[in-house]
Amino acid sequence: MAQTRVLFVCLGNICRSPLAEGAARKLVRQRVLEKHFEFDSAATAGYHEGETYDPRVDAVLRKYNALFPHTARQIRDADYRSYHWILGMDEENLLDLQRHAPADASARLELVTKPWGGGRITDPYYQDDWACEQTYIELEDLIGRWLDIWLQANAP
């Protein structure tokens, strides 16, 4: 199986996309697939560039054994060429990704919710601690479904 590179994207890269990245890293570690995947996350806007994740995200990732070092960053043109998949957390993220994609982009742009038939991952930024945990739970389910899809497509 060739290595698949996946970039998760949300508005600020301090809540949803790092939650998705943490879930993805945890799930491939559990399935002993680390050498087959590379994950990162980024923002459509540079509001929080250089910051770590929201403290609630840190707590949730610790609770679910999905913590990893993180520094928020904005998506770059090179990302559109170096990642196989760029997964947005909501329709606005996806539209921003499509609008700003360079002409030579090769990444496939999708909603992270595609295995559910679409929809959005609610941003827990202005919500309580439980909303952050609920977002992680939803993302872990979705990333598990994505992994199943990738594994079926790349089965020997």
N, C-alpha and C. Protein backbone atom coordinates (compact mmCIF):
# COMPACT_ATOMS: atom_id res chain seq x y z
N MET A 1 0.85 -1.18 0.00
CA MET A 1 0.00 0.00 0.00
C MET A 1 0.89 1.24 0.00
N ALA A 2 0.66 2.16 -0.91
CA ALA A 2 1.42 3.41 -0.96
C ALA A 2 0.98 4.32 0.18
N GLN A 3 1.87 5.24 0.57
CA GLN A 3 1.54 6.17 1.64
C GLN A 3 0.51 7.19 1.15
N THR A 4 -0.49 7.43 1.98
CA THR A 4 -1.53 8.41 1.69
C THR A 4 -1.32 9.60 2.61
N ARG A 5 -1.27 10.79 2.01
CA ARG A 5 -1.06 12.02 2.77
C ARG A 5 -2.38 12.79 2.84
N VAL A 6 -2.81 13.10 4.08
CA VAL A 6 -4.11 13.72 4.32
C VAL A 6 -3.93 14.99 5.15
N LEU A 7 -4.56 16.06 4.70
CA LEU A 7 -4.55 17.34 5.41
C LEU A 7 -5.98 17.67 5.82
N PHE A 8 -6.19 17.87 7.12
CA PHE A 8 -7.49 18.27 7.65
C PHE A 8 -7.50 19.79 7.79
N VAL A 9 -8.61 20.43 7.38
CA VAL A 9 -8.66 21.89 7.36
C VAL A 9 -9.95 22.40 7.99
N CYS A 10 -9.78 23.41 8.85
CA CYS A 10 -10.92 24.16 9.40
C CYS A 10 -10.57 25.65 9.33
N LEU A 11 -11.37 26.48 9.93
CA LEU A 11 -11.15 27.92 9.84
C LEU A 11 -9.86 28.38 10.51
N GLY A 12 -9.62 27.98 11.77
CA GLY A 12 -8.49 28.52 12.51
C GLY A 12 -7.40 27.54 12.89
N ASN A 13 -7.62 26.24 12.70
CA ASN A 13 -6.64 25.20 13.00
C ASN A 13 -6.28 25.10 14.48
N ILE A 14 -7.27 25.39 15.35
CA ILE A 14 -7.04 25.19 16.78
C ILE A 14 -8.11 24.30 17.42
N CYS A 15 -9.15 23.94 16.68
CA CYS A 15 -10.21 23.07 17.24
C CYS A 15 -10.46 21.85 16.35
N ARG A 16 -11.29 22.01 15.33
CA ARG A 16 -11.76 20.86 14.56
C ARG A 16 -10.66 20.12 13.82
N SER A 17 -9.83 20.84 13.06
CA SER A 17 -8.82 20.11 12.27
C SER A 17 -7.78 19.42 13.14
N PRO A 18 -7.32 20.01 14.28
CA PRO A 18 -6.42 19.22 15.12
C PRO A 18 -7.13 18.04 15.81
N LEU A 19 -8.42 18.18 16.11
CA LEU A 19 -9.17 17.04 16.64
C LEU A 19 -9.19 15.90 15.62
N ALA A 20 -9.41 16.25 14.35
CA ALA A 20 -9.41 15.24 13.29
C ALA A 20 -8.03 14.62 13.13
N GLU A 21 -7.00 15.45 13.16
CA GLU A 21 -5.63 14.93 13.02
C GLU A 21 -5.30 13.99 14.18
N GLY A 22 -5.66 14.39 15.40
CA GLY A 22 -5.41 13.53 16.55
C GLY A 22 -6.13 12.20 16.45
N ALA A 23 -7.40 12.24 16.03
CA ALA A 23 -8.17 11.01 15.85
C ALA A 23 -7.52 10.12 14.79
N ALA A 24 -7.10 10.72 13.68
CA ALA A 24 -6.47 9.96 12.60
C ALA A 24 -5.17 9.31 13.07
N ARG A 25 -4.34 10.06 13.76
CA ARG A 25 -3.07 9.52 14.26
C ARG A 25 -3.33 8.35 15.22
N LYS A 26 -4.32 8.52 16.09
CA LYS A 26 -4.65 7.47 17.05
C LYS A 26 -5.14 6.21 16.33
N LEU A 27 -6.05 6.37 15.38
CA LEU A 27 -6.63 5.21 14.69
C LEU A 27 -5.60 4.45 13.86
N VAL A 28 -4.70 5.16 13.17
CA VAL A 28 -3.69 4.42 12.40
C VAL A 28 -2.68 3.75 13.33
N ARG A 29 -2.42 4.36 14.48
CA ARG A 29 -1.55 3.73 15.48
C ARG A 29 -2.21 2.44 15.98
N GLN A 30 -3.50 2.49 16.29
CA GLN A 30 -4.22 1.30 16.76
C GLN A 30 -4.25 0.19 15.71
N ARG A 31 -4.34 0.57 14.46
CA ARG A 31 -4.42 -0.42 13.37
C ARG A 31 -3.03 -0.78 12.82
N VAL A 32 -1.99 -0.23 13.42
CA VAL A 32 -0.60 -0.46 13.00
C VAL A 32 -0.43 -0.12 11.52
N LEU A 33 -0.87 1.09 11.16
CA LEU A 33 -0.79 1.56 9.78
C LEU A 33 0.01 2.85 9.63
N GLU A 34 0.80 3.20 10.64
CA GLU A 34 1.49 4.49 10.64
C GLU A 34 2.32 4.72 9.39
N LYS A 35 2.98 3.67 8.88
CA LYS A 35 3.86 3.85 7.73
C LYS A 35 3.08 4.10 6.43
N HIS A 36 1.77 3.90 6.47
CA HIS A 36 0.95 4.06 5.26
C HIS A 36 0.25 5.41 5.18
N PHE A 37 0.31 6.20 6.26
CA PHE A 37 -0.41 7.47 6.29
C PHE A 37 0.45 8.57 6.88
N GLU A 38 0.23 9.76 6.38
CA GLU A 38 0.81 10.96 6.97
C GLU A 38 -0.32 11.97 7.12
N PHE A 39 -0.42 12.57 8.30
CA PHE A 39 -1.50 13.52 8.58
C PHE A 39 -0.93 14.85 9.04
N ASP A 40 -1.66 15.90 8.71
CA ASP A 40 -1.37 17.25 9.19
C ASP A 40 -2.70 17.98 9.19
N SER A 41 -2.68 19.20 9.68
CA SER A 41 -3.88 20.03 9.67
C SER A 41 -3.48 21.47 9.42
N ALA A 42 -4.44 22.25 8.94
CA ALA A 42 -4.18 23.64 8.60
C ALA A 42 -5.49 24.43 8.68
N ALA A 43 -5.36 25.73 8.52
CA ALA A 43 -6.50 26.65 8.58
C ALA A 43 -6.72 27.31 7.23
N THR A 44 -7.96 27.72 6.98
CA THR A 44 -8.23 28.54 5.81
C THR A 44 -7.88 30.00 6.07
N ALA A 45 -7.83 30.39 7.35
CA ALA A 45 -7.49 31.77 7.74
C ALA A 45 -6.34 31.73 8.74
N GLY A 46 -5.56 32.79 8.78
CA GLY A 46 -4.37 32.81 9.63
C GLY A 46 -4.58 33.41 11.00
N TYR A 47 -5.80 33.41 11.51
CA TYR A 47 -6.10 34.04 12.80
C TYR A 47 -5.25 33.53 13.95
N HIS A 48 -4.96 32.25 13.97
CA HIS A 48 -4.28 31.63 15.11
C HIS A 48 -2.91 31.06 14.75
N GLU A 49 -2.36 31.48 13.62
CA GLU A 49 -1.08 30.93 13.17
C GLU A 49 -0.03 31.07 14.27
N GLY A 50 0.69 29.96 14.50
CA GLY A 50 1.74 29.93 15.51
C GLY A 50 1.27 29.53 16.90
N GLU A 51 -0.04 29.44 17.10
CA GLU A 51 -0.58 29.05 18.40
C GLU A 51 -0.71 27.53 18.47
N THR A 52 -0.87 27.01 19.69
CA THR A 52 -1.19 25.60 19.85
C THR A 52 -2.71 25.47 19.84
N TYR A 53 -3.21 24.27 20.08
CA TYR A 53 -4.66 24.14 20.03
C TYR A 53 -5.34 24.77 21.24
N ASP A 54 -6.65 24.92 21.11
CA ASP A 54 -7.50 25.40 22.20
C ASP A 54 -7.29 24.48 23.41
N PRO A 55 -7.26 25.03 24.63
CA PRO A 55 -7.04 24.18 25.82
C PRO A 55 -8.06 23.04 25.96
N ARG A 56 -9.29 23.25 25.51
CA ARG A 56 -10.29 22.18 25.56
C ARG A 56 -9.92 21.04 24.62
N VAL A 57 -9.33 21.38 23.48
CA VAL A 57 -8.88 20.36 22.53
C VAL A 57 -7.75 19.56 23.16
N ASP A 58 -6.83 20.24 23.81
CA ASP A 58 -5.74 19.56 24.51
C ASP A 58 -6.31 18.54 25.49
N ALA A 59 -7.30 18.96 26.29
CA ALA A 59 -7.90 18.06 27.29
C ALA A 59 -8.58 16.86 26.64
N VAL A 60 -9.31 17.08 25.55
CA VAL A 60 -10.00 15.98 24.86
C VAL A 60 -8.99 15.02 24.25
N LEU A 61 -7.97 15.56 23.58
CA LEU A 61 -6.97 14.69 22.97
C LEU A 61 -6.23 13.86 24.01
N ARG A 62 -5.96 14.46 25.17
CA ARG A 62 -5.33 13.70 26.27
C ARG A 62 -6.27 12.58 26.73
N LYS A 63 -7.53 12.92 26.93
CA LYS A 63 -8.51 11.94 27.41
C LYS A 63 -8.62 10.73 26.49
N TYR A 64 -8.56 10.97 25.18
CA TYR A 64 -8.74 9.90 24.20
C TYR A 64 -7.41 9.33 23.67
N ASN A 65 -6.32 9.66 24.36
CA ASN A 65 -4.99 9.16 23.97
C ASN A 65 -4.66 9.49 22.52
N ALA A 66 -4.95 10.73 22.14
CA ALA A 66 -4.73 11.17 20.76
C ALA A 66 -3.90 12.46 20.69
N LEU A 67 -3.22 12.80 21.77
CA LEU A 67 -2.43 14.03 21.84
C LEU A 67 -1.21 13.95 20.94
N PHE A 68 -0.87 15.05 20.31
CA PHE A 68 0.31 15.15 19.45
C PHE A 68 0.76 16.61 19.47
N PRO A 69 2.03 16.89 19.17
CA PRO A 69 2.50 18.29 19.12
C PRO A 69 1.83 19.02 17.96
N HIS A 70 1.40 20.25 18.21
CA HIS A 70 0.66 20.98 17.17
C HIS A 70 0.95 22.48 17.24
N THR A 71 1.15 23.07 16.09
CA THR A 71 1.24 24.52 15.93
C THR A 71 0.34 24.90 14.77
N ALA A 72 -0.62 25.79 15.02
CA ALA A 72 -1.58 26.19 13.99
C ALA A 72 -0.86 26.87 12.83
N ARG A 73 -1.36 26.58 11.64
CA ARG A 73 -0.81 27.21 10.43
C ARG A 73 -1.91 27.35 9.39
N GLN A 74 -1.67 28.23 8.46
CA GLN A 74 -2.61 28.43 7.35
C GLN A 74 -2.18 27.55 6.19
N ILE A 75 -3.15 27.09 5.42
CA ILE A 75 -2.85 26.26 4.25
C ILE A 75 -2.00 27.04 3.26
N ARG A 76 -1.10 26.33 2.58
CA ARG A 76 -0.21 26.94 1.59
C ARG A 76 -0.45 26.30 0.23
N ASP A 77 -0.07 26.99 -0.82
CA ASP A 77 -0.23 26.45 -2.17
C ASP A 77 0.44 25.08 -2.31
N ALA A 78 1.60 24.91 -1.70
CA ALA A 78 2.32 23.64 -1.80
C ALA A 78 1.50 22.49 -1.22
N ASP A 79 0.64 22.76 -0.24
CA ASP A 79 -0.19 21.70 0.34
C ASP A 79 -1.11 21.08 -0.71
N TYR A 80 -1.61 21.88 -1.62
CA TYR A 80 -2.52 21.40 -2.66
C TYR A 80 -1.81 20.43 -3.62
N ARG A 81 -0.48 20.51 -3.66
CA ARG A 81 0.30 19.63 -4.53
C ARG A 81 0.89 18.44 -3.78
N SER A 82 1.11 18.58 -2.49
CA SER A 82 1.81 17.52 -1.76
C SER A 82 0.90 16.56 -1.01
N TYR A 83 -0.37 16.92 -0.79
CA TYR A 83 -1.30 16.02 -0.11
C TYR A 83 -2.19 15.35 -1.13
N HIS A 84 -2.57 14.10 -0.85
CA HIS A 84 -3.50 13.38 -1.72
C HIS A 84 -4.93 13.84 -1.47
N TRP A 85 -5.24 14.05 -0.19
CA TRP A 85 -6.58 14.46 0.21
C TRP A 85 -6.48 15.69 1.10
N ILE A 86 -7.38 16.64 0.89
CA ILE A 86 -7.55 17.78 1.79
C ILE A 86 -9.02 17.76 2.18
N LEU A 87 -9.26 17.56 3.48
CA LEU A 87 -10.61 17.36 3.99
C LEU A 87 -11.05 18.55 4.84
N GLY A 88 -12.06 19.28 4.37
CA GLY A 88 -12.61 20.42 5.09
C GLY A 88 -13.67 19.99 6.08
N MET A 89 -13.82 20.77 7.13
CA MET A 89 -14.76 20.43 8.20
C MET A 89 -16.19 20.87 7.91
N ASP A 90 -16.37 21.84 7.02
CA ASP A 90 -17.72 22.29 6.66
C ASP A 90 -17.72 22.84 5.24
N GLU A 91 -18.90 23.17 4.76
CA GLU A 91 -19.06 23.63 3.39
C GLU A 91 -18.28 24.92 3.12
N GLU A 92 -18.24 25.82 4.09
CA GLU A 92 -17.50 27.07 3.91
C GLU A 92 -16.01 26.79 3.77
N ASN A 93 -15.48 25.87 4.59
CA ASN A 93 -14.07 25.48 4.44
C ASN A 93 -13.81 24.93 3.05
N LEU A 94 -14.69 24.05 2.59
CA LEU A 94 -14.51 23.44 1.27
C LEU A 94 -14.55 24.49 0.17
N LEU A 95 -15.50 25.42 0.25
CA LEU A 95 -15.55 26.49 -0.76
C LEU A 95 -14.29 27.34 -0.74
N ASP A 96 -13.78 27.68 0.46
CA ASP A 96 -12.52 28.43 0.56
C ASP A 96 -11.37 27.64 -0.05
N LEU A 97 -11.32 26.35 0.23
CA LEU A 97 -10.26 25.51 -0.34
C LEU A 97 -10.34 25.48 -1.86
N GLN A 98 -11.53 25.34 -2.39
CA GLN A 98 -11.71 25.31 -3.85
C GLN A 98 -11.36 26.65 -4.49
N ARG A 99 -11.77 27.72 -3.84
CA ARG A 99 -11.51 29.07 -4.35
C ARG A 99 -10.03 29.41 -4.40
N HIS A 100 -9.27 28.93 -3.43
CA HIS A 100 -7.86 29.30 -3.32
C HIS A 100 -6.90 28.24 -3.86
N ALA A 101 -7.43 27.17 -4.39
CA ALA A 101 -6.56 26.11 -4.93
C ALA A 101 -5.79 26.64 -6.14
N PRO A 102 -4.48 26.42 -6.18
CA PRO A 102 -3.71 26.84 -7.35
C PRO A 102 -4.08 25.99 -8.57
N ALA A 103 -3.77 26.49 -9.74
CA ALA A 103 -4.13 25.81 -10.99
C ALA A 103 -3.53 24.41 -11.08
N ASP A 104 -2.36 24.20 -10.47
CA ASP A 104 -1.71 22.90 -10.56
C ASP A 104 -1.99 22.00 -9.35
N ALA A 105 -3.08 22.28 -8.63
CA ALA A 105 -3.44 21.48 -7.46
C ALA A 105 -3.73 20.04 -7.87
N SER A 106 -3.22 19.09 -7.10
CA SER A 106 -3.48 17.68 -7.39
C SER A 106 -4.27 17.00 -6.27
N ALA A 107 -4.38 17.64 -5.12
CA ALA A 107 -5.10 17.05 -3.99
C ALA A 107 -6.60 16.95 -4.30
N ARG A 108 -7.20 15.92 -3.76
CA ARG A 108 -8.65 15.78 -3.86
C ARG A 108 -9.27 16.52 -2.68
N LEU A 109 -10.16 17.46 -2.95
CA LEU A 109 -10.80 18.28 -1.93
C LEU A 109 -12.18 17.70 -1.63
N GLU A 110 -12.43 17.41 -0.36
CA GLU A 110 -13.71 16.83 0.05
C GLU A 110 -14.09 17.34 1.44
N LEU A 111 -15.33 17.11 1.80
CA LEU A 111 -15.76 17.32 3.18
C LEU A 111 -15.36 16.09 3.99
N VAL A 112 -14.91 16.30 5.20
CA VAL A 112 -14.57 15.18 6.07
C VAL A 112 -15.81 14.33 6.34
N THR A 113 -16.98 14.91 6.19
CA THR A 113 -18.24 14.21 6.46
C THR A 113 -18.75 13.37 5.28
N LYS A 114 -17.99 13.26 4.22
CA LYS A 114 -18.44 12.51 3.05
C LYS A 114 -18.91 11.08 3.40
N PRO A 115 -18.23 10.35 4.30
CA PRO A 115 -18.75 9.01 4.63
C PRO A 115 -20.12 9.02 5.29
N TRP A 116 -20.56 10.16 5.81
CA TRP A 116 -21.91 10.29 6.37
C TRP A 116 -22.88 10.82 5.33
N GLY A 117 -22.41 11.07 4.11
CA GLY A 117 -23.24 11.64 3.07
C GLY A 117 -23.19 13.16 3.03
N GLY A 118 -22.24 13.75 3.73
CA GLY A 118 -22.07 15.20 3.74
C GLY A 118 -22.47 15.81 5.07
N GLY A 119 -22.57 17.12 5.07
CA GLY A 119 -22.89 17.84 6.30
C GLY A 119 -21.67 18.56 6.84
N ARG A 120 -21.82 19.05 8.06
CA ARG A 120 -20.74 19.84 8.64
C ARG A 120 -20.38 19.31 10.02
N ILE A 121 -19.12 19.53 10.36
CA ILE A 121 -18.67 19.30 11.73
C ILE A 121 -18.80 20.64 12.44
N THR A 122 -19.63 20.69 13.46
CA THR A 122 -19.89 21.93 14.19
C THR A 122 -18.62 22.41 14.87
N ASP A 123 -18.35 23.70 14.76
CA ASP A 123 -17.18 24.31 15.39
C ASP A 123 -17.45 24.50 16.88
N PRO A 124 -16.67 23.84 17.75
CA PRO A 124 -16.91 23.97 19.19
C PRO A 124 -16.28 25.22 19.81
N TYR A 125 -15.66 26.08 19.00
CA TYR A 125 -14.89 27.22 19.51
C TYR A 125 -15.69 28.08 20.50
N TYR A 126 -16.93 28.40 20.17
CA TYR A 126 -17.74 29.25 21.04
C TYR A 126 -18.69 28.45 21.93
N GLN A 127 -18.43 27.17 22.07
CA GLN A 127 -19.31 26.31 22.85
C GLN A 127 -18.58 25.77 24.09
N ASP A 128 -19.24 24.89 24.81
CA ASP A 128 -18.69 24.39 26.07
C ASP A 128 -17.76 23.19 25.84
N ASP A 129 -17.23 22.68 26.96
CA ASP A 129 -16.29 21.57 26.90
C ASP A 129 -16.90 20.33 26.26
N TRP A 130 -18.17 20.06 26.57
CA TRP A 130 -18.82 18.88 26.01
C TRP A 130 -18.89 18.95 24.49
N ALA A 131 -19.12 20.14 23.94
CA ALA A 131 -19.18 20.28 22.48
C ALA A 131 -17.85 19.88 21.85
N CYS A 132 -16.76 20.22 22.50
CA CYS A 132 -15.44 19.86 21.99
C CYS A 132 -15.27 18.33 22.00
N GLU A 133 -15.69 17.71 23.08
CA GLU A 133 -15.59 16.25 23.16
C GLU A 133 -16.51 15.59 22.13
N GLN A 134 -17.71 16.11 21.97
CA GLN A 134 -18.65 15.57 20.98
C GLN A 134 -18.06 15.68 19.57
N THR A 135 -17.41 16.79 19.28
CA THR A 135 -16.77 16.97 17.98
C THR A 135 -15.70 15.91 17.76
N TYR A 136 -14.90 15.64 18.80
CA TYR A 136 -13.88 14.60 18.68
C TYR A 136 -14.53 13.24 18.40
N ILE A 137 -15.56 12.90 19.12
CA ILE A 137 -16.24 11.61 18.95
C ILE A 137 -16.76 11.46 17.52
N GLU A 138 -17.36 12.53 17.00
CA GLU A 138 -17.85 12.50 15.61
C GLU A 138 -16.69 12.31 14.64
N LEU A 139 -15.61 13.05 14.86
CA LEU A 139 -14.47 12.96 13.95
C LEU A 139 -13.79 11.60 14.02
N GLU A 140 -13.70 11.02 15.20
CA GLU A 140 -13.11 9.69 15.30
C GLU A 140 -13.94 8.68 14.50
N ASP A 141 -15.25 8.78 14.56
CA ASP A 141 -16.10 7.91 13.77
C ASP A 141 -15.86 8.12 12.27
N LEU A 142 -15.83 9.37 11.85
CA LEU A 142 -15.62 9.68 10.44
C LEU A 142 -14.26 9.22 9.94
N ILE A 143 -13.22 9.48 10.70
CA ILE A 143 -11.88 9.08 10.28
C ILE A 143 -11.80 7.54 10.21
N GLY A 144 -12.44 6.85 11.13
CA GLY A 144 -12.50 5.39 11.06
C GLY A 144 -13.16 4.93 9.77
N ARG A 145 -14.21 5.61 9.37
CA ARG A 145 -14.89 5.27 8.11
C ARG A 145 -14.00 5.55 6.91
N TRP A 146 -13.28 6.71 6.94
CA TRP A 146 -12.33 7.01 5.85
C TRP A 146 -11.26 5.93 5.77
N LEU A 147 -10.72 5.52 6.91
CA LEU A 147 -9.69 4.48 6.90
C LEU A 147 -10.23 3.18 6.30
N ASP A 148 -11.45 2.82 6.64
CA ASP A 148 -12.05 1.62 6.06
C ASP A 148 -12.15 1.74 4.53
N ILE A 149 -12.55 2.92 4.05
CA ILE A 149 -12.65 3.16 2.60
C ILE A 149 -11.28 3.03 1.94
N TRP A 150 -10.26 3.68 2.54
CA TRP A 150 -8.90 3.61 1.97
C TRP A 150 -8.36 2.18 1.98
N LEU A 151 -8.62 1.47 3.06
CA LEU A 151 -8.12 0.11 3.15
C LEU A 151 -8.79 -0.81 2.13
N GLN A 152 -10.09 -0.64 1.91
CA GLN A 152 -10.79 -1.43 0.90
C GLN A 152 -10.24 -1.14 -0.49
N ALA A 153 -9.94 0.12 -0.77
CA ALA A 153 -9.43 0.52 -2.09
C ALA A 153 -8.00 0.04 -2.32
N ASN A 154 -7.28 -0.21 -1.24
CA ASN A 154 -5.86 -0.59 -1.36
C ASN A 154 -5.57 -1.98 -0.86
N ALA A 155 -6.60 -2.80 -0.73
CA ALA A 155 -6.40 -4.19 -0.26
C ALA A 155 -5.60 -4.99 -1.29
N PRO A 156 -4.72 -5.86 -0.78
CA PRO A 156 -3.91 -6.67 -1.71
C PRO A 156 -4.75 -7.67 -2.50
